[in-house]
């Protein structure tokens, strides 16, 4: 094997990973990063910490995966039955093994004050793992993958409903105000996730956090408040912080 792309491909096959997403879940390395390594499309050799995570997940030698030195397998290291069982579970539930699974990538939302719409930049941070849903769930709720965007919640304003670091799926087709529903909003050029409340014919952005003095409600007018889409699902991350 002459390059890391070929070695990683061999290691994935030997470890039984059916897809890049399965390896991403097991290693903690974002799927787009794995894709760039396999396609040799990065700007340089991947970081050692990234390669080490991939080597551990595939149970191969770091030196072999990183530089092609030595034998492929780890010396005197045998994966435990629990690790093997976890890999089997990942393989059995991965999109390649479950064609009914649909992955919603996680994006960073780039917006401008007063401008409808947004630009989506793929989030390649460590915890930005695509959200997996079933096609049946999409069909039941009349949702289309092309109209869905996942993004990471920032801040504590929506505690206890949503926490900092949680991932939400946004239906960008749903931009008409709905009372007591949670929306992603372009509020004065800032992307926020808030509950929309109707009060005497006026719309307000309300935080679920009980500290209403700190997180007071804001009026949602057409000039400074543009709905990006309705939050239709949330995924909690207990590993952050």
Foldseek 3Di string as FASTA:
>chain_A
DQALLVLLVVLCVQQVPPDLLLLCVQQLFESVVNVCRNVVNDPDQDDLVSLVSSCVLSQFDSCCNRPNDDDGHDPPDDDDPVSSVVSVVSRCPPCVNPVQKDWAFEWDWFFAFQDPDTDTHGDRDSLRRTDIDGNVVCVVVVHDSVQKHKYFADDDQAPPVDHGGKIWIFRQVPFDDDAQFWFFKQARRDTHIFGWHADPNWIWGHGNDPPCVVGPIDTADSRGIGTRGTTDDIGDDPPDD
